[in-house]
C-alpha atoms as a PDB file:
ATOM      1  CA  UNK A   1     131.400 126.763 125.844  1.00  0.00           C
ATOM      2  CA  UNK A   2     128.696 128.823 124.127  1.00  0.00           C
ATOM      3  CA  UNK A   3     125.292 127.510 122.592  1.00  0.00           C
ATOM      4  CA  UNK A   4     122.554 129.129 120.625  1.00  0.00           C
ATOM      5  CA  UNK A   5     119.293 127.508 119.144  1.00  0.00           C
ATOM      6  CA  UNK A   6     119.988 126.118 115.640  1.00  0.00           C
ATOM      7  CA  UNK A   7     116.596 124.495 114.722  1.00  0.00           C
ATOM      8  CA  UNK A   8     113.439 123.097 116.550  1.00  0.00           C
ATOM      9  CA  UNK A   9     111.588 120.802 114.371  1.00  0.00           C
ATOM     10  CA  UNK A  10     108.243 119.219 115.373  1.00  0.00           C
ATOM     11  CA  UNK A  11     107.335 115.489 115.402  1.00  0.00           C
ATOM     12  CA  UNK A  12     103.587 115.238 114.723  1.00  0.00           C
ATOM     13  CA  UNK A  13     101.509 111.921 115.287  1.00  0.00           C
ATOM     14  CA  UNK A  14      99.785 109.842 118.125  1.00  0.00           C
ATOM     15  CA  UNK A  15     103.274 108.597 119.466  1.00  0.00           C
ATOM     16  CA  UNK A  16     104.315 112.005 120.195  1.00  0.00           C
ATOM     17  CA  UNK A  17     101.235 113.325 121.881  1.00  0.00           C
ATOM     18  CA  UNK A  18     102.815 112.948 125.446  1.00  0.00           C
ATOM     19  CA  UNK A  19     105.701 115.242 123.863  1.00  0.00           C
ATOM     20  CA  UNK A  20     108.265 112.672 124.287  1.00  0.00           C
ATOM     21  CA  UNK A  21     110.582 111.435 121.539  1.00  0.00           C
ATOM     22  CA  UNK A  22     111.165 107.619 120.718  1.00  0.00           C
ATOM     23  CA  UNK A  23     114.940 106.885 120.685  1.00  0.00           C
ATOM     24  CA  UNK A  24     114.540 105.610 116.996  1.00  0.00           C
ATOM     25  CA  UNK A  25     114.023 109.485 116.102  1.00  0.00           C
ATOM     26  CA  UNK A  26     117.385 110.450 117.468  1.00  0.00           C
ATOM     27  CA  UNK A  27     118.731 108.599 114.478  1.00  0.00           C
ATOM     28  CA  UNK A  28     116.846 110.963 112.111  1.00  0.00           C
ATOM     29  CA  UNK A  29     118.459 113.892 113.878  1.00  0.00           C
ATOM     30  CA  UNK A  30     121.754 112.648 113.757  1.00  0.00           C
ATOM     31  CA  UNK A  31     121.442 112.024 110.071  1.00  0.00           C
ATOM     32  CA  UNK A  32     120.194 115.730 109.717  1.00  0.00           C
ATOM     33  CA  UNK A  33     123.377 116.963 111.494  1.00  0.00           C
ATOM     34  CA  UNK A  34     125.724 114.852 109.026  1.00  0.00           C
ATOM     35  CA  UNK A  35     123.685 116.306 105.998  1.00  0.00           C
ATOM     36  CA  UNK A  36     124.158 119.975 107.326  1.00  0.00           C
ATOM     37  CA  UNK A  37     127.983 119.371 107.477  1.00  0.00           C
ATOM     38  CA  UNK A  38     128.124 117.808 103.977  1.00  0.00           C
ATOM     39  CA  UNK A  39     125.932 120.234 102.475  1.00  0.00           C
ATOM     40  CA  UNK A  40     127.922 123.277 104.068  1.00  0.00           C
ATOM     41  CA  UNK A  41     131.066 121.791 102.770  1.00  0.00           C
ATOM     42  CA  UNK A  42     129.618 121.449  99.274  1.00  0.00           C
ATOM     43  CA  UNK A  43     128.331 125.117  99.290  1.00  0.00           C
ATOM     44  CA  UNK A  44     131.745 126.307 100.273  1.00  0.00           C
ATOM     45  CA  UNK A  45     133.681 124.535  97.626  1.00  0.00           C
ATOM     46  CA  UNK A  46     131.082 125.830  94.985  1.00  0.00           C
ATOM     47  CA  UNK A  47     131.785 129.412  96.151  1.00  0.00           C
ATOM     48  CA  UNK A  48     135.415 128.896  96.013  1.00  0.00           C
ATOM     49  CA  UNK A  49     136.015 127.117  92.896  1.00  0.00           C
ATOM     50  CA  UNK A  50     139.876 127.265  92.988  1.00  0.00           C
ATOM     51  CA  UNK A  51     139.801 125.065  96.323  1.00  0.00           C
ATOM     52  CA  UNK A  52     139.819 121.297  96.530  1.00  0.00           C
ATOM     53  CA  UNK A  53     139.159 120.912 100.136  1.00  0.00           C
ATOM     54  CA  UNK A  54     137.368 123.126 102.580  1.00  0.00           C
ATOM     55  CA  UNK A  55     139.759 124.954 105.200  1.00  0.00           C
ATOM     56  CA  UNK A  56     141.105 122.855 108.107  1.00  0.00           C
ATOM     57  CA  UNK A  57     138.609 122.923 110.929  1.00  0.00           C
ATOM     58  CA  UNK A  58     135.766 124.174 108.795  1.00  0.00           C
ATOM     59  CA  UNK A  59     133.092 121.988 110.527  1.00  0.00           C
ATOM     60  CA  UNK A  60     134.875 121.288 113.843  1.00  0.00           C
ATOM     61  CA  UNK A  61     132.593 124.080 115.461  1.00  0.00           C
ATOM     62  CA  UNK A  62     129.527 122.571 114.292  1.00  0.00           C
ATOM     63  CA  UNK A  63     127.951 120.313 116.972  1.00  0.00           C
ATOM     64  CA  UNK A  64     124.208 119.965 117.459  1.00  0.00           C
ATOM     65  CA  UNK A  65     122.920 118.768 120.851  1.00  0.00           C
ATOM     66  CA  UNK A  66     119.408 117.801 121.955  1.00  0.00           C
ATOM     67  CA  UNK A  67     118.878 120.512 124.440  1.00  0.00           C
ATOM     68  CA  UNK A  68     115.257 119.743 125.274  1.00  0.00           C
ATOM     69  CA  UNK A  69     111.709 118.451 123.828  1.00  0.00           C
ATOM     70  CA  UNK A  70     108.984 121.207 124.157  1.00  0.00           C
ATOM     71  CA  UNK A  71     105.264 120.399 123.992  1.00  0.00           C
ATOM     72  CA  UNK A  72     103.374 120.804 120.854  1.00  0.00           C
ATOM     73  CA  UNK A  73     103.519 117.108 119.721  1.00  0.00           C
ATOM     74  CA  UNK A  74     107.276 116.734 120.460  1.00  0.00           C
ATOM     75  CA  UNK A  75     109.538 119.609 119.574  1.00  0.00           C
ATOM     76  CA  UNK A  76     113.132 118.874 120.116  1.00  0.00           C
ATOM     77  CA  UNK A  77     115.387 121.942 120.301  1.00  0.00           C
ATOM     78  CA  UNK A  78     118.730 121.352 118.570  1.00  0.00           C
ATOM     79  CA  UNK A  79     121.198 123.700 119.881  1.00  0.00           C
ATOM     80  CA  UNK A  80     124.614 124.604 118.138  1.00  0.00           C
ATOM     81  CA  UNK A  81     127.302 124.065 120.755  1.00  0.00           C
ATOM     82  CA  UNK A  82     130.635 125.739 120.399  1.00  0.00           C
ATOM     83  CA  UNK A  83     133.570 124.823 122.754  1.00  0.00           C
ATOM     84  CA  UNK A  84     136.843 126.650 123.689  1.00  0.00           C
ATOM     85  CA  UNK A  85     138.705 128.040 120.955  1.00  0.00           C
ATOM     86  CA  UNK A  86     135.879 127.322 118.473  1.00  0.00           C
ATOM     87  CA  UNK A  87     133.994 130.306 119.564  1.00  0.00           C
ATOM     88  CA  UNK A  88     134.712 132.205 116.164  1.00  0.00           C
ATOM     89  CA  UNK A  89     131.621 132.744 114.119  1.00  0.00           C
ATOM     90  CA  UNK A  90     130.684 129.712 112.275  1.00  0.00           C
ATOM     91  CA  UNK A  91     131.014 129.814 108.454  1.00  0.00           C
ATOM     92  CA  UNK A  92     127.870 131.266 106.928  1.00  0.00           C
ATOM     93  CA  UNK A  93     127.341 128.082 104.826  1.00  0.00           C
ATOM     94  CA  UNK A  94     125.871 126.166 107.759  1.00  0.00           C
ATOM     95  CA  UNK A  95     123.028 128.601 107.823  1.00  0.00           C
ATOM     96  CA  UNK A  96     122.669 128.393 104.162  1.00  0.00           C
ATOM     97  CA  UNK A  97     122.514 124.661 104.451  1.00  0.00           C
ATOM     98  CA  UNK A  98     119.849 124.847 106.916  1.00  0.00           C
ATOM     99  CA  UNK A  99     117.801 126.991 104.660  1.00  0.00           C
ATOM    100  CA  UNK A 100     118.259 124.898 101.616  1.00  0.00           C
ATOM    101  CA  UNK A 101     117.441 121.494 103.283  1.00  0.00           C
ATOM    102  CA  UNK A 102     114.123 123.005 104.433  1.00  0.00           C
ATOM    103  CA  UNK A 103     113.466 124.269 100.632  1.00  0.00           C
ATOM    104  CA  UNK A 104     113.985 120.751  99.498  1.00  0.00           C
ATOM    105  CA  UNK A 105     111.584 119.207 102.005  1.00  0.00           C
ATOM    106  CA  UNK A 106     108.986 121.870 101.348  1.00  0.00           C
ATOM    107  CA  UNK A 107     108.654 121.089  97.711  1.00  0.00           C
ATOM    108  CA  UNK A 108     105.657 119.267  96.504  1.00  0.00           C
ATOM    109  CA  UNK A 109     105.541 116.400  94.011  1.00  0.00           C
ATOM    110  CA  UNK A 110     104.844 118.557  91.170  1.00  0.00           C
ATOM    111  CA  UNK A 111     107.641 121.098  92.076  1.00  0.00           C
ATOM    112  CA  UNK A 112     111.070 121.157  90.859  1.00  0.00           C
ATOM    113  CA  UNK A 113     113.811 120.256  93.188  1.00  0.00           C
ATOM    114  CA  UNK A 114     116.295 123.007  93.990  1.00  0.00           C
ATOM    115  CA  UNK A 115     119.195 122.924  91.527  1.00  0.00           C
ATOM    116  CA  UNK A 116     121.686 123.932  94.235  1.00  0.00           C
ATOM    117  CA  UNK A 117     121.133 120.872  96.338  1.00  0.00           C
ATOM    118  CA  UNK A 118     123.612 118.182  95.110  1.00  0.00           C
ATOM    119  CA  UNK A 119     122.227 114.855  93.807  1.00  0.00           C
ATOM    120  CA  UNK A 120     124.640 112.841  95.766  1.00  0.00           C
ATOM    121  CA  UNK A 121     123.165 114.105  98.959  1.00  0.00           C
ATOM    122  CA  UNK A 122     119.481 112.813  98.315  1.00  0.00           C
ATOM    123  CA  UNK A 123     120.602 109.453  99.901  1.00  0.00           C
ATOM    124  CA  UNK A 124     120.634 111.303 103.236  1.00  0.00           C
ATOM    125  CA  UNK A 125     116.823 111.016 103.166  1.00  0.00           C
ATOM    126  CA  UNK A 126     117.008 107.238 103.411  1.00  0.00           C
ATOM    127  CA  UNK A 127     117.918 108.064 107.117  1.00  0.00           C
ATOM    128  CA  UNK A 128     116.299 111.348 107.902  1.00  0.00           C
ATOM    129  CA  UNK A 129     112.691 110.584 108.860  1.00  0.00           C
ATOM    130  CA  UNK A 130     113.174 106.731 108.491  1.00  0.00           C
ATOM    131  CA  UNK A 131     111.489 106.524 112.087  1.00  0.00           C
ATOM    132  CA  UNK A 132     108.512 107.991 110.887  1.00  0.00           C
ATOM    133  CA  UNK A 133     105.111 105.824 110.721  1.00  0.00           C
ATOM    134  CA  UNK A 134     102.228 106.006 108.436  1.00  0.00           C
ATOM    135  CA  UNK A 135     100.214 109.166 109.288  1.00  0.00           C
ATOM    136  CA  UNK A 136     103.324 110.849 110.986  1.00  0.00           C
ATOM    137  CA  UNK A 137     105.241 113.797 109.912  1.00  0.00           C
ATOM    138  CA  UNK A 138     108.274 115.767 110.666  1.00  0.00           C
ATOM    139  CA  UNK A 139     108.143 119.624 110.270  1.00  0.00           C
ATOM    140  CA  UNK A 140     111.253 121.357 110.056  1.00  0.00           C
ATOM    141  CA  UNK A 141     110.070 124.847 110.178  1.00  0.00           C
ATOM    142  CA  UNK A 142     106.626 124.433 112.273  1.00  0.00           C
ATOM    143  CA  UNK A 143     106.508 128.266 112.896  1.00  0.00           C
ATOM    144  CA  UNK A 144     105.853 128.635 109.109  1.00  0.00           C
ATOM    145  CA  UNK A 145     102.077 127.699 109.224  1.00  0.00           C
ATOM    146  CA  UNK A 146     101.947 128.176 105.453  1.00  0.00           C
ATOM    147  CA  UNK A 147     104.652 125.807 104.575  1.00  0.00           C
ATOM    148  CA  UNK A 148     106.127 124.086 107.705  1.00  0.00           C
ATOM    149  CA  UNK A 149     108.513 121.841 105.355  1.00  0.00           C
ATOM    150  CA  UNK A 150     106.764 118.789 106.360  1.00  0.00           C
ATOM    151  CA  UNK A 151     108.584 115.308 106.012  1.00  0.00           C
ATOM    152  CA  UNK A 152     106.280 112.658 105.653  1.00  0.00           C
ATOM    153  CA  UNK A 153     107.090 108.900 104.833  1.00  0.00           C
ATOM    154  CA  UNK A 154     105.736 109.346 101.197  1.00  0.00           C
ATOM    155  CA  UNK A 155     107.937 112.619 100.818  1.00  0.00           C
ATOM    156  CA  UNK A 156     111.011 110.992 102.345  1.00  0.00           C
ATOM    157  CA  UNK A 157     110.589 108.176  99.709  1.00  0.00           C
ATOM    158  CA  UNK A 158     110.157 110.683  96.799  1.00  0.00           C
ATOM    159  CA  UNK A 159     113.442 112.576  97.847  1.00  0.00           C
ATOM    160  CA  UNK A 160     115.460 109.408  98.357  1.00  0.00           C
ATOM    161  CA  UNK A 161     114.451 108.234  94.913  1.00  0.00           C
ATOM    162  CA  UNK A 162     115.287 111.580  93.356  1.00  0.00           C
ATOM    163  CA  UNK A 163     118.503 110.307  91.898  1.00  0.00           C
ATOM    164  CA  UNK A 164     118.068 106.413  92.186  1.00  0.00           C
ATOM    165  CA  UNK A 165     115.779 103.535  91.855  1.00  0.00           C
ATOM    166  CA  UNK A 166     115.773 102.289  95.495  1.00  0.00           C
ATOM    167  CA  UNK A 167     115.147 103.756  98.903  1.00  0.00           C
ATOM    168  CA  UNK A 168     115.603 102.545 102.326  1.00  0.00           C
ATOM    169  CA  UNK A 169     112.967 101.946 105.100  1.00  0.00           C
ATOM    170  CA  UNK A 170     112.472 100.078 108.295  1.00  0.00           C
ATOM    171  CA  UNK A 171     111.524  96.428 107.578  1.00  0.00           C
ATOM    172  CA  UNK A 172     109.760  94.090 109.950  1.00  0.00           C
ATOM    173  CA  UNK A 173     109.577  90.469 108.457  1.00  0.00           C
ATOM    174  CA  UNK A 174     109.369  86.702 109.167  1.00  0.00           C
ATOM    175  CA  UNK A 175     110.643  84.021 106.971  1.00  0.00           C
ATOM    176  CA  UNK A 176     112.911  81.066 106.928  1.00  0.00           C
ATOM    177  CA  UNK A 177     116.812  80.924 106.638  1.00  0.00           C
ATOM    178  CA  UNK A 178     117.806  78.625 103.824  1.00  0.00           C
ATOM    179  CA  UNK A 179     121.372  80.163 103.131  1.00  0.00           C
ATOM    180  CA  UNK A 180     124.202  81.705 104.967  1.00  0.00           C
ATOM    181  CA  UNK A 181     127.658  83.010 103.898  1.00  0.00           C
ATOM    182  CA  UNK A 182     129.748  83.252 106.938  1.00  0.00           C
ATOM    183  CA  UNK A 183     132.618  84.765 105.245  1.00  0.00           C
ATOM    184  CA  UNK A 184     130.798  87.744 103.706  1.00  0.00           C
ATOM    185  CA  UNK A 185     128.118  87.787 106.597  1.00  0.00           C
ATOM    186  CA  UNK A 186     125.245  87.386 104.071  1.00  0.00           C
ATOM    187  CA  UNK A 187     122.282  85.301 103.784  1.00  0.00           C
ATOM    188  CA  UNK A 188     118.901  84.643 102.145  1.00  0.00           C
ATOM    189  CA  UNK A 189     115.554  84.630 103.655  1.00  0.00           C
ATOM    190  CA  UNK A 190     112.464  83.005 102.229  1.00  0.00           C
ATOM    191  CA  UNK A 191     109.230  84.833 103.141  1.00  0.00           C
ATOM    192  CA  UNK A 192     105.816  83.570 103.595  1.00  0.00           C
ATOM    193  CA  UNK A 193     104.958  84.544  99.975  1.00  0.00           C
ATOM    194  CA  UNK A 194     107.834  82.300  98.986  1.00  0.00           C
ATOM    195  CA  UNK A 195     109.980  85.107  97.864  1.00  0.00           C
ATOM    196  CA  UNK A 196     113.724  85.183  98.474  1.00  0.00           C
ATOM    197  CA  UNK A 197     115.358  88.146 100.224  1.00  0.00           C
ATOM    198  CA  UNK A 198     118.933  88.778 100.753  1.00  0.00           C
ATOM    199  CA  UNK A 199     120.266  90.104 103.881  1.00  0.00           C
ATOM    200  CA  UNK A 200     123.388  91.196 105.585  1.00  0.00           C
ATOM    201  CA  UNK A 201     124.080  90.607 109.349  1.00  0.00           C
ATOM    202  CA  UNK A 202     126.854  91.068 111.725  1.00  0.00           C
ATOM    203  CA  UNK A 203     128.445  88.460 114.011  1.00  0.00           C
ATOM    204  CA  UNK A 204     126.347  89.084 116.959  1.00  0.00           C
ATOM    205  CA  UNK A 205     123.406  87.202 115.022  1.00  0.00           C
ATOM    206  CA  UNK A 206     125.386  84.447 113.662  1.00  0.00           C
ATOM    207  CA  UNK A 207     124.480  81.719 116.348  1.00  0.00           C
ATOM    208  CA  UNK A 208     120.764  82.394 116.082  1.00  0.00           C
ATOM    209  CA  UNK A 209     120.884  82.509 112.261  1.00  0.00           C
ATOM    210  CA  UNK A 210     122.841  79.127 112.184  1.00  0.00           C
ATOM    211  CA  UNK A 211     120.075  77.540 114.482  1.00  0.00           C
ATOM    212  CA  UNK A 212     117.418  78.488 112.000  1.00  0.00           C
ATOM    213  CA  UNK A 213     119.371  77.659 108.836  1.00  0.00           C
ATOM    214  CA  UNK A 214     117.205  75.069 107.022  1.00  0.00           C
ATOM    215  CA  UNK A 215     114.771  74.306 109.907  1.00  0.00           C
ATOM    216  CA  UNK A 216     111.322  74.237 108.720  1.00  0.00           C
ATOM    217  CA  UNK A 217     110.170  74.609 112.309  1.00  0.00           C
ATOM    218  CA  UNK A 218     112.278  77.507 113.262  1.00  0.00           C
ATOM    219  CA  UNK A 219     111.392  80.983 111.663  1.00  0.00           C
ATOM    220  CA  UNK A 220     113.507  84.153 111.785  1.00  0.00           C
ATOM    221  CA  UNK A 221     111.894  87.600 112.833  1.00  0.00           C
ATOM    222  CA  UNK A 222     113.914  90.338 111.613  1.00  0.00           C
ATOM    223  CA  UNK A 223     113.723  94.000 111.941  1.00  0.00           C
ATOM    224  CA  UNK A 224     116.182  96.531 110.462  1.00  0.00           C
ATOM    225  CA  UNK A 225     116.790  98.490 107.322  1.00  0.00           C
ATOM    226  CA  UNK A 226     115.210  97.224 103.959  1.00  0.00           C
ATOM    227  CA  UNK A 227     115.936  98.238 100.574  1.00  0.00           C
ATOM    228  CA  UNK A 228     112.767  98.781  98.469  1.00  0.00           C
ATOM    229  CA  UNK A 229     112.177  99.490  94.851  1.00  0.00           C
ATOM    230  CA  UNK A 230     109.758 102.437  93.316  1.00  0.00           C
ATOM    231  CA  UNK A 231     106.912  99.876  93.735  1.00  0.00           C
ATOM    232  CA  UNK A 232     107.646  99.259  97.352  1.00  0.00           C
ATOM    233  CA  UNK A 233     108.853  95.831  96.769  1.00  0.00           C
ATOM    234  CA  UNK A 234     111.601  94.556  99.311  1.00  0.00           C
ATOM    235  CA  UNK A 235     114.738  93.936  97.578  1.00  0.00           C
ATOM    236  CA  UNK A 236     117.077  93.161 100.503  1.00  0.00           C
ATOM    237  CA  UNK A 237     117.729  93.791 103.946  1.00  0.00           C
ATOM    238  CA  UNK A 238     120.964  95.970 104.604  1.00  0.00           C
ATOM    239  CA  UNK A 239     121.228  95.832 108.275  1.00  0.00           C
ATOM    240  CA  UNK A 240     119.504  93.676 111.107  1.00  0.00           C
ATOM    241  CA  UNK A 241     118.735  95.572 114.305  1.00  0.00           C
ATOM    242  CA  UNK A 242     116.621  92.865 115.941  1.00  0.00           C
ATOM    243  CA  UNK A 243     116.447  89.124 115.510  1.00  0.00           C
ATOM    244  CA  UNK A 244     114.399  86.664 117.170  1.00  0.00           C
ATOM    245  CA  UNK A 245     114.064  82.932 116.460  1.00  0.00           C
ATOM    246  CA  UNK A 246     110.036  81.906 116.429  1.00  0.00           C
ATOM    247  CA  UNK A 247     109.313  78.196 116.597  1.00  0.00           C
ATOM    248  CA  UNK A 248     106.182  77.166 114.530  1.00  0.00           C
ATOM    249  CA  UNK A 249     105.561  80.835 113.311  1.00  0.00           C
ATOM    250  CA  UNK A 250     102.816  79.736 110.940  1.00  0.00           C
ATOM    251  CA  UNK A 251     100.740  77.963 113.387  1.00  0.00           C
ATOM    252  CA  UNK A 252     101.391  80.375 116.342  1.00  0.00           C
ATOM    253  CA  UNK A 253     100.553  83.429 114.069  1.00  0.00           C
ATOM    254  CA  UNK A 254      97.264  82.053 112.975  1.00  0.00           C
ATOM    255  CA  UNK A 255      96.382  81.440 116.559  1.00  0.00           C
ATOM    256  CA  UNK A 256      97.482  85.040 117.411  1.00  0.00           C
ATOM    257  CA  UNK A 257      95.190  86.364 114.635  1.00  0.00           C
ATOM    258  CA  UNK A 258      92.152  85.070 116.519  1.00  0.00           C
ATOM    259  CA  UNK A 259      93.071  87.534 119.152  1.00  0.00           C
ATOM    260  CA  UNK A 260      91.538  90.419 116.933  1.00  0.00           C
ATOM    261  CA  UNK A 261      88.007  88.698 117.082  1.00  0.00           C
ATOM    262  CA  UNK A 262      85.292  90.532 119.088  1.00  0.00           C
ATOM    263  CA  UNK A 263      82.124  89.013 120.624  1.00  0.00           C
ATOM    264  CA  UNK A 264      79.621  88.596 118.001  1.00  0.00           C
ATOM    265  CA  UNK A 265      82.030  87.841 115.223  1.00  0.00           C
ATOM    266  CA  UNK A 266      79.840  85.225 113.521  1.00  0.00           C
ATOM    267  CA  UNK A 267      76.932  87.378 112.024  1.00  0.00           C
ATOM    268  CA  UNK A 268      76.224  88.717 115.567  1.00  0.00           C
ATOM    269  CA  UNK A 269      76.911  85.523 117.290  1.00  0.00           C
ATOM    270  CA  UNK A 270      80.087  84.007 118.306  1.00  0.00           C
ATOM    271  CA  UNK A 271      81.947  84.389 121.570  1.00  0.00           C
ATOM    272  CA  UNK A 272      85.716  85.617 121.071  1.00  0.00           C
ATOM    273  CA  UNK A 273      88.384  83.514 122.460  1.00  0.00           C
ATOM    274  CA  UNK A 274      90.019  84.867 125.514  1.00  0.00           C
ATOM    275  CA  UNK A 275      93.582  86.113 124.896  1.00  0.00           C
ATOM    276  CA  UNK A 276      94.874  84.181 127.790  1.00  0.00           C
ATOM    277  CA  UNK A 277      93.445  80.896 126.470  1.00  0.00           C
ATOM    278  CA  UNK A 278      95.063  81.729 122.951  1.00  0.00           C
ATOM    279  CA  UNK A 279      98.598  82.182 124.691  1.00  0.00           C
ATOM    280  CA  UNK A 280      98.371  79.002 126.633  1.00  0.00           C
ATOM    281  CA  UNK A 281      97.456  77.183 123.318  1.00  0.00           C
ATOM    282  CA  UNK A 282     100.284  78.701 121.537  1.00  0.00           C
ATOM    283  CA  UNK A 283     102.786  77.865 124.279  1.00  0.00           C
ATOM    284  CA  UNK A 284     101.498  74.307 124.345  1.00  0.00           C
ATOM    285  CA  UNK A 285     101.801  73.741 120.458  1.00  0.00           C
ATOM    286  CA  UNK A 286     105.096  75.447 120.244  1.00  0.00           C
ATOM    287  CA  UNK A 287     106.237  72.861 122.867  1.00  0.00           C
ATOM    288  CA  UNK A 288     104.706  69.860 121.657  1.00  0.00           C
ATOM    289  CA  UNK A 289     103.732  70.202 118.094  1.00  0.00           C
ATOM    290  CA  UNK A 290     105.126  67.002 116.255  1.00  0.00           C
ATOM    291  CA  UNK A 291     107.497  67.827 113.236  1.00  0.00           C
ATOM    292  CA  UNK A 292     106.128  65.144 111.020  1.00  0.00           C
ATOM    293  CA  UNK A 293     102.809  66.454 110.090  1.00  0.00           C
ATOM    294  CA  UNK A 294     101.523  69.612 108.441  1.00  0.00           C
ATOM    295  CA  UNK A 295     100.220  72.354 110.169  1.00  0.00           C
ATOM    296  CA  UNK A 296      96.302  72.500 110.503  1.00  0.00           C
ATOM    297  CA  UNK A 297      93.931  75.220 109.715  1.00  0.00           C
ATOM    298  CA  UNK A 298      93.143  77.096 112.883  1.00  0.00           C
ATOM    299  CA  UNK A 299      89.459  77.975 113.228  1.00  0.00           C
ATOM    300  CA  UNK A 300      87.452  79.846 115.894  1.00  0.00           C
ATOM    301  CA  UNK A 301      84.500  78.005 117.335  1.00  0.00           C
ATOM    302  CA  UNK A 302      81.042  79.652 118.089  1.00  0.00           C
ATOM    303  CA  UNK A 303      81.489  79.227 121.850  1.00  0.00           C
ATOM    304  CA  UNK A 304      85.014  80.798 122.246  1.00  0.00           C
ATOM    305  CA  UNK A 305      86.873  77.570 121.658  1.00  0.00           C
ATOM    306  CA  UNK A 306      89.596  76.583 118.936  1.00  0.00           C
ATOM    307  CA  UNK A 307      89.570  73.934 116.195  1.00  0.00           C
ATOM    308  CA  UNK A 308      92.613  72.643 114.611  1.00  0.00           C
ATOM    309  CA  UNK A 309      91.652  70.974 111.259  1.00  0.00           C
ATOM    310  CA  UNK A 310      93.356  68.940 108.635  1.00  0.00           C
ATOM    311  CA  UNK A 311      91.452  68.549 105.528  1.00  0.00           C
ATOM    312  CA  UNK A 312      92.118  65.703 102.938  1.00  0.00           C
ATOM    313  CA  UNK A 313      90.134  64.848  99.451  1.00  0.00           C
ATOM    314  CA  UNK A 314      88.370  61.959 101.388  1.00  0.00           C
ATOM    315  CA  UNK A 315      89.193  62.734 104.914  1.00  0.00           C
ATOM    316  CA  UNK A 316      88.729  65.107 107.733  1.00  0.00           C
ATOM    317  CA  UNK A 317      90.373  65.397 111.227  1.00  0.00           C
ATOM    318  CA  UNK A 318      89.355  68.065 113.716  1.00  0.00           C
ATOM    319  CA  UNK A 319      90.680  68.635 117.067  1.00  0.00           C
ATOM    320  CA  UNK A 320      88.514  71.015 119.130  1.00  0.00           C
ATOM    321  CA  UNK A 321      90.208  72.552 122.282  1.00  0.00           C
ATOM    322  CA  UNK A 322      87.691  73.233 124.864  1.00  0.00           C
ATOM    323  CA  UNK A 323      89.434  75.581 127.075  1.00  0.00           C
ATOM    324  CA  UNK A 324      86.862  75.647 130.093  1.00  0.00           C
ATOM    325  CA  UNK A 325      87.021  71.987 130.367  1.00  0.00           C
ATOM    326  CA  UNK A 326      90.818  71.568 129.821  1.00  0.00           C
ATOM    327  CA  UNK A 327      89.513  68.972 127.312  1.00  0.00           C
ATOM    328  CA  UNK A 328      90.754  67.918 123.789  1.00  0.00           C
ATOM    329  CA  UNK A 329      87.866  66.539 121.364  1.00  0.00           C
ATOM    330  CA  UNK A 330      88.979  64.701 118.374  1.00  0.00           C
ATOM    331  CA  UNK A 331      86.814  64.034 115.411  1.00  0.00           C
ATOM    332  CA  UNK A 332      87.861  62.119 112.165  1.00  0.00           C
ATOM    333  CA  UNK A 333      86.005  61.147 109.120  1.00  0.00           C
ATOM    334  CA  UNK A 334      87.293  58.812 106.469  1.00  0.00           C
ATOM    335  CA  UNK A 335      84.650  58.960 103.601  1.00  0.00           C
ATOM    336  CA  UNK A 336      86.768  56.005 101.467  1.00  0.00           C
ATOM    337  CA  UNK A 337      87.049  53.717 104.592  1.00  0.00           C
ATOM    338  CA  UNK A 338      83.434  54.799 105.759  1.00  0.00           C
ATOM    339  CA  UNK A 339      84.856  55.298 109.308  1.00  0.00           C
ATOM    340  CA  UNK A 340      84.414  57.863 111.826  1.00  0.00           C
ATOM    341  CA  UNK A 341      86.532  58.331 115.129  1.00  0.00           C
ATOM    342  CA  UNK A 342      85.510  60.217 118.052  1.00  0.00           C
ATOM    343  CA  UNK A 343      87.920  60.413 120.997  1.00  0.00           C
ATOM    344  CA  UNK A 344      88.625  62.929 124.130  1.00  0.00           C
ATOM    345  CA  UNK A 345      91.895  63.729 125.710  1.00  0.00           C
ATOM    346  CA  UNK A 346      92.891  65.721 128.577  1.00  0.00           C
ATOM    347  CA  UNK A 347      94.429  69.009 127.786  1.00  0.00           C
ATOM    348  CA  UNK A 348      97.629  67.956 129.282  1.00  0.00           C
ATOM    349  CA  UNK A 349      97.744  64.955 126.934  1.00  0.00           C
ATOM    350  CA  UNK A 350      98.866  66.559 123.805  1.00  0.00           C
ATOM    351  CA  UNK A 351     101.048  63.828 122.985  1.00  0.00           C
ATOM    352  CA  UNK A 352      98.243  61.177 123.074  1.00  0.00           C
ATOM    353  CA  UNK A 353      96.069  63.540 120.811  1.00  0.00           C
ATOM    354  CA  UNK A 354      99.069  64.136 118.133  1.00  0.00           C
ATOM    355  CA  UNK A 355      99.815  60.406 118.233  1.00  0.00           C
ATOM    356  CA  UNK A 356      96.334  59.540 117.117  1.00  0.00           C
ATOM    357  CA  UNK A 357      96.262  62.363 114.695  1.00  0.00           C
ATOM    358  CA  UNK A 358      99.439  61.220 113.041  1.00  0.00           C
ATOM    359  CA  UNK A 359      98.042  57.709 112.731  1.00  0.00           C
ATOM    360  CA  UNK A 360      94.917  58.923 110.863  1.00  0.00           C
ATOM    361  CA  UNK A 361      96.613  61.591 108.483  1.00  0.00           C
ATOM    362  CA  UNK A 362     100.175  60.116 108.344  1.00  0.00           C
END
């Protein structure tokens, strides 16, 4: 077996400061290896116009291995590994392919793309660099300080759109499942903005998807690969990589949002709710929130508590969660009936509190 360095790109961004490489980035490198092979085949056939296929074994000697990750953000060394009888010199088209890919990535928005690069291969930029987050970049020739062939999320999008009207990117979305086709393994998701997004899935997610189907309480949290148009609007989800079913997502996410508050959030005053208290509240409501009433508005109080509020044209119901005293304080006003209700519950008596609320707003 013989090996030699092939290329050593550099991932730049806070995630790479410890000189480690997320496993998601390995998919970028695997897609790069595939592109090298396909481009090398294309270049060979272009030179040899009398041939319909590349010679047998043309690409068998080309295998990239991740040898190590060096400092300098994270610099994975991709080594060309040749085994046994495949120690003959690799066809020169592989080196040419590497150079041409670097030239494509090095182009700026105003530059013309290299005519030698085939249009059908731009789709590989749906995968190469897909792990990059905003503010990160992948430099394919970091030793060239004048032009390091840097791939950014914006440039990756531009290259993927070079010959099409959509591009692929990682997607993280929550919505309600309202349609499933178990024969075609397809479905429809309704987002929080009431938009419908189609998705494809594999059998491993079927049980959870069926559980959430048509359920107003159970929301699906999907992570995977989305298809976006030129305006960055999500058109579909072509692959689900992670799925979690989240009960009462609308309510739980509103509570979680309060975790970003800092002391002084109310014009210099206001105590921020403790994260532990918010987690306890979420857990309680996921377990006990009744299905027959609307979700309340979640409001922080000045003293670090949380108020759940239901507002009607002529009525208002508030349930304040007083964490330090493990107490629930219910206040209700009905203007039309000229009535006011004030009642206390122990924080373990959510059923009693919601029973009263249901009678007031039902």
